[in-house]
């Protein structure tokens, strides 16, 4: 079972992983439709109108050390 991490960030923040809107971001079918992910995105204010809110996807646990302290994140086991 892969573990993925979603990290909330703002433009200009230095965060590991791939921004969800980036063409090189890995795809996980149904990820963004999961109720737990939807609830988290609502909580952090992510959506089409929130240009200052980005979400990064991290798939390598080694990159977790690079998550800046205080950044909201969600860990999911698929």
N, C-alpha and C. Protein backbone atom coordinates (compact mmCIF):
# COMPACT_ATOMS: atom_id res chain seq x y z
N UNK A 1 0.84 -1.19 0.00
CA UNK A 1 0.00 0.00 0.00
C UNK A 1 0.88 1.25 0.00
N UNK A 2 0.79 2.08 -1.02
CA UNK A 2 1.59 3.30 -0.99
C UNK A 2 1.03 4.32 0.01
N UNK A 3 1.94 5.09 0.57
CA UNK A 3 1.56 6.20 1.45
C UNK A 3 1.88 7.48 0.70
N UNK A 4 0.93 8.39 0.69
CA UNK A 4 1.16 9.70 0.07
C UNK A 4 0.87 10.77 1.10
N UNK A 5 1.45 11.92 0.86
CA UNK A 5 1.29 13.05 1.76
C UNK A 5 0.88 14.25 0.92
N UNK A 6 -0.13 14.95 1.36
CA UNK A 6 -0.56 16.20 0.73
C UNK A 6 -0.17 17.33 1.66
N UNK A 7 0.48 18.35 1.10
CA UNK A 7 1.01 19.45 1.90
C UNK A 7 0.41 20.76 1.39
N UNK A 8 -0.15 21.53 2.29
CA UNK A 8 -0.69 22.84 1.96
C UNK A 8 0.44 23.87 1.95
N UNK A 9 0.48 24.70 0.90
CA UNK A 9 1.53 25.71 0.79
C UNK A 9 1.00 26.91 0.01
N UNK A 10 1.77 27.96 0.03
CA UNK A 10 1.45 29.17 -0.73
C UNK A 10 2.48 29.34 -1.85
N UNK A 11 2.14 30.09 -2.90
CA UNK A 11 3.11 30.34 -3.96
C UNK A 11 4.41 30.90 -3.36
N UNK A 12 5.54 30.37 -3.82
CA UNK A 12 6.83 30.83 -3.34
C UNK A 12 7.39 30.00 -2.18
N UNK A 13 6.54 29.19 -1.53
CA UNK A 13 7.03 28.33 -0.47
C UNK A 13 7.90 27.22 -1.06
N UNK A 14 8.88 26.79 -0.31
CA UNK A 14 9.75 25.70 -0.75
C UNK A 14 9.29 24.43 -0.07
N UNK A 15 8.64 23.58 -0.84
CA UNK A 15 8.02 22.36 -0.33
C UNK A 15 8.44 21.21 -1.25
N UNK A 16 8.70 20.02 -0.68
CA UNK A 16 9.04 18.88 -1.53
C UNK A 16 7.82 18.40 -2.30
N UNK A 17 8.05 17.58 -3.29
CA UNK A 17 6.95 16.96 -4.02
C UNK A 17 6.56 17.70 -5.28
N UNK A 18 5.34 17.41 -5.73
CA UNK A 18 4.81 17.97 -6.98
C UNK A 18 3.52 18.72 -6.69
N UNK A 19 3.41 19.92 -7.21
CA UNK A 19 2.16 20.68 -7.07
C UNK A 19 1.07 19.94 -7.84
N UNK A 20 -0.12 19.82 -7.26
CA UNK A 20 -1.18 19.02 -7.88
C UNK A 20 -1.51 19.44 -9.31
N UNK A 21 -1.42 20.72 -9.61
CA UNK A 21 -1.77 21.20 -10.95
C UNK A 21 -0.64 21.01 -11.96
N UNK A 22 0.52 20.58 -11.50
CA UNK A 22 1.66 20.41 -12.40
C UNK A 22 1.48 19.17 -13.27
N UNK A 23 1.85 19.26 -14.56
CA UNK A 23 1.72 18.10 -15.44
C UNK A 23 2.60 16.92 -15.02
N UNK A 24 3.65 17.15 -14.25
CA UNK A 24 4.52 16.05 -13.83
C UNK A 24 4.10 15.43 -12.49
N UNK A 25 2.98 15.87 -11.94
CA UNK A 25 2.49 15.33 -10.67
C UNK A 25 1.93 13.91 -10.91
N UNK A 26 2.35 12.94 -10.09
CA UNK A 26 1.80 11.59 -10.25
C UNK A 26 0.28 11.60 -10.02
N UNK A 27 -0.42 10.75 -10.74
CA UNK A 27 -1.88 10.69 -10.60
C UNK A 27 -2.30 9.46 -9.82
N UNK A 28 -3.23 9.67 -8.93
CA UNK A 28 -3.85 8.58 -8.17
C UNK A 28 -5.34 8.71 -8.39
N UNK A 29 -5.89 7.81 -9.20
CA UNK A 29 -7.31 7.89 -9.54
C UNK A 29 -8.17 7.91 -8.29
N UNK A 30 -9.07 8.86 -8.25
CA UNK A 30 -10.03 8.98 -7.15
C UNK A 30 -9.51 9.67 -5.91
N UNK A 31 -8.23 10.06 -5.89
CA UNK A 31 -7.65 10.67 -4.70
C UNK A 31 -8.40 11.94 -4.29
N UNK A 32 -8.62 12.84 -5.23
CA UNK A 32 -9.23 14.12 -4.90
C UNK A 32 -10.72 14.02 -4.62
N UNK A 33 -11.32 12.88 -4.94
CA UNK A 33 -12.74 12.68 -4.67
C UNK A 33 -12.99 12.00 -3.33
N UNK A 34 -11.94 11.55 -2.67
CA UNK A 34 -12.09 10.88 -1.36
C UNK A 34 -12.68 11.87 -0.36
N UNK A 35 -13.65 11.44 0.46
CA UNK A 35 -14.25 12.35 1.44
C UNK A 35 -13.24 12.95 2.41
N UNK A 36 -12.24 12.17 2.85
CA UNK A 36 -11.26 12.72 3.79
C UNK A 36 -10.40 13.79 3.13
N UNK A 37 -10.06 13.60 1.86
CA UNK A 37 -9.27 14.59 1.13
C UNK A 37 -10.11 15.83 0.86
N UNK A 38 -11.36 15.64 0.45
CA UNK A 38 -12.26 16.77 0.21
C UNK A 38 -12.43 17.60 1.48
N UNK A 39 -12.64 16.95 2.61
CA UNK A 39 -12.82 17.67 3.88
C UNK A 39 -11.56 18.46 4.24
N UNK A 40 -10.39 17.86 4.04
CA UNK A 40 -9.13 18.55 4.33
C UNK A 40 -8.95 19.76 3.41
N UNK A 41 -9.23 19.58 2.12
CA UNK A 41 -9.09 20.70 1.18
C UNK A 41 -10.05 21.82 1.53
N UNK A 42 -11.26 21.49 1.96
CA UNK A 42 -12.21 22.52 2.40
C UNK A 42 -11.69 23.26 3.62
N UNK A 43 -11.09 22.52 4.56
CA UNK A 43 -10.57 23.12 5.79
C UNK A 43 -9.45 24.11 5.50
N UNK A 44 -8.57 23.78 4.56
CA UNK A 44 -7.44 24.68 4.27
C UNK A 44 -7.80 25.75 3.25
N UNK A 45 -8.99 25.67 2.66
CA UNK A 45 -9.43 26.70 1.72
C UNK A 45 -8.93 26.51 0.30
N UNK A 46 -8.65 25.26 -0.10
CA UNK A 46 -8.18 24.98 -1.45
C UNK A 46 -9.35 24.94 -2.41
N UNK A 47 -9.21 25.58 -3.55
CA UNK A 47 -10.25 25.56 -4.56
C UNK A 47 -9.91 26.49 -5.70
N UNK A 48 -10.74 26.50 -6.74
CA UNK A 48 -10.47 27.32 -7.93
C UNK A 48 -10.31 28.81 -7.63
N UNK A 49 -10.99 29.32 -6.63
CA UNK A 49 -10.92 30.74 -6.32
C UNK A 49 -9.74 31.08 -5.42
N UNK A 50 -9.05 30.09 -4.89
CA UNK A 50 -7.96 30.31 -3.93
C UNK A 50 -6.61 30.19 -4.63
N UNK A 51 -6.23 31.22 -5.37
CA UNK A 51 -4.98 31.19 -6.12
C UNK A 51 -3.75 31.19 -5.21
N UNK A 52 -3.92 31.60 -3.95
CA UNK A 52 -2.78 31.64 -3.04
C UNK A 52 -2.66 30.37 -2.20
N UNK A 53 -3.43 29.34 -2.52
CA UNK A 53 -3.38 28.07 -1.81
C UNK A 53 -3.01 26.95 -2.79
N UNK A 54 -1.88 26.30 -2.53
CA UNK A 54 -1.41 25.20 -3.37
C UNK A 54 -1.35 23.93 -2.54
N UNK A 55 -1.44 22.79 -3.20
CA UNK A 55 -1.26 21.51 -2.53
C UNK A 55 -0.18 20.75 -3.27
N UNK A 56 0.78 20.24 -2.49
CA UNK A 56 1.86 19.43 -3.03
C UNK A 56 1.66 17.98 -2.63
N UNK A 57 2.01 17.07 -3.54
CA UNK A 57 1.91 15.65 -3.30
C UNK A 57 3.31 15.09 -3.14
N UNK A 58 3.54 14.37 -2.04
CA UNK A 58 4.84 13.74 -1.77
C UNK A 58 4.61 12.25 -1.66
N UNK A 59 5.40 11.47 -2.38
CA UNK A 59 5.26 10.02 -2.34
C UNK A 59 6.44 9.33 -1.69
N UNK A 60 7.51 10.04 -1.45
CA UNK A 60 8.71 9.44 -0.89
C UNK A 60 8.86 9.88 0.57
N UNK A 61 8.78 8.94 1.51
CA UNK A 61 8.86 9.29 2.92
C UNK A 61 10.13 10.04 3.28
N UNK A 62 11.21 9.84 2.53
CA UNK A 62 12.46 10.56 2.81
C UNK A 62 12.28 12.07 2.63
N UNK A 63 11.38 12.49 1.77
CA UNK A 63 11.14 13.92 1.55
C UNK A 63 10.40 14.57 2.71
N UNK A 64 9.83 13.78 3.60
CA UNK A 64 9.06 14.36 4.70
C UNK A 64 9.91 15.23 5.61
N UNK A 65 11.19 14.95 5.69
CA UNK A 65 12.07 15.78 6.51
C UNK A 65 12.15 17.20 5.97
N UNK A 66 11.83 17.38 4.71
CA UNK A 66 11.91 18.71 4.08
C UNK A 66 10.62 19.51 4.22
N UNK A 67 9.58 18.92 4.82
CA UNK A 67 8.34 19.68 5.01
C UNK A 67 8.59 20.74 6.07
N UNK A 68 8.38 22.01 5.73
CA UNK A 68 8.62 23.06 6.71
C UNK A 68 7.69 22.90 7.92
N UNK A 69 8.22 23.19 9.09
CA UNK A 69 7.43 23.11 10.32
C UNK A 69 6.21 24.02 10.23
N UNK A 70 5.10 23.53 10.71
CA UNK A 70 3.87 24.32 10.73
C UNK A 70 3.01 24.23 9.49
N UNK A 71 3.48 23.54 8.44
CA UNK A 71 2.67 23.42 7.23
C UNK A 71 1.61 22.33 7.45
N UNK A 72 0.38 22.64 7.10
CA UNK A 72 -0.69 21.66 7.20
C UNK A 72 -0.43 20.55 6.20
N UNK A 73 -0.64 19.30 6.63
CA UNK A 73 -0.48 18.19 5.70
C UNK A 73 -1.40 17.05 6.10
N UNK A 74 -1.65 16.18 5.13
CA UNK A 74 -2.53 15.04 5.31
C UNK A 74 -1.79 13.80 4.78
N UNK A 75 -1.76 12.75 5.57
CA UNK A 75 -1.14 11.50 5.17
C UNK A 75 -2.22 10.49 4.86
N UNK A 76 -2.08 9.81 3.71
CA UNK A 76 -3.09 8.86 3.25
C UNK A 76 -2.42 7.57 2.83
N UNK A 77 -2.95 6.46 3.28
CA UNK A 77 -2.50 5.16 2.80
C UNK A 77 -3.50 4.69 1.76
N UNK A 78 -3.01 4.42 0.56
CA UNK A 78 -3.90 3.98 -0.53
C UNK A 78 -3.97 2.48 -0.58
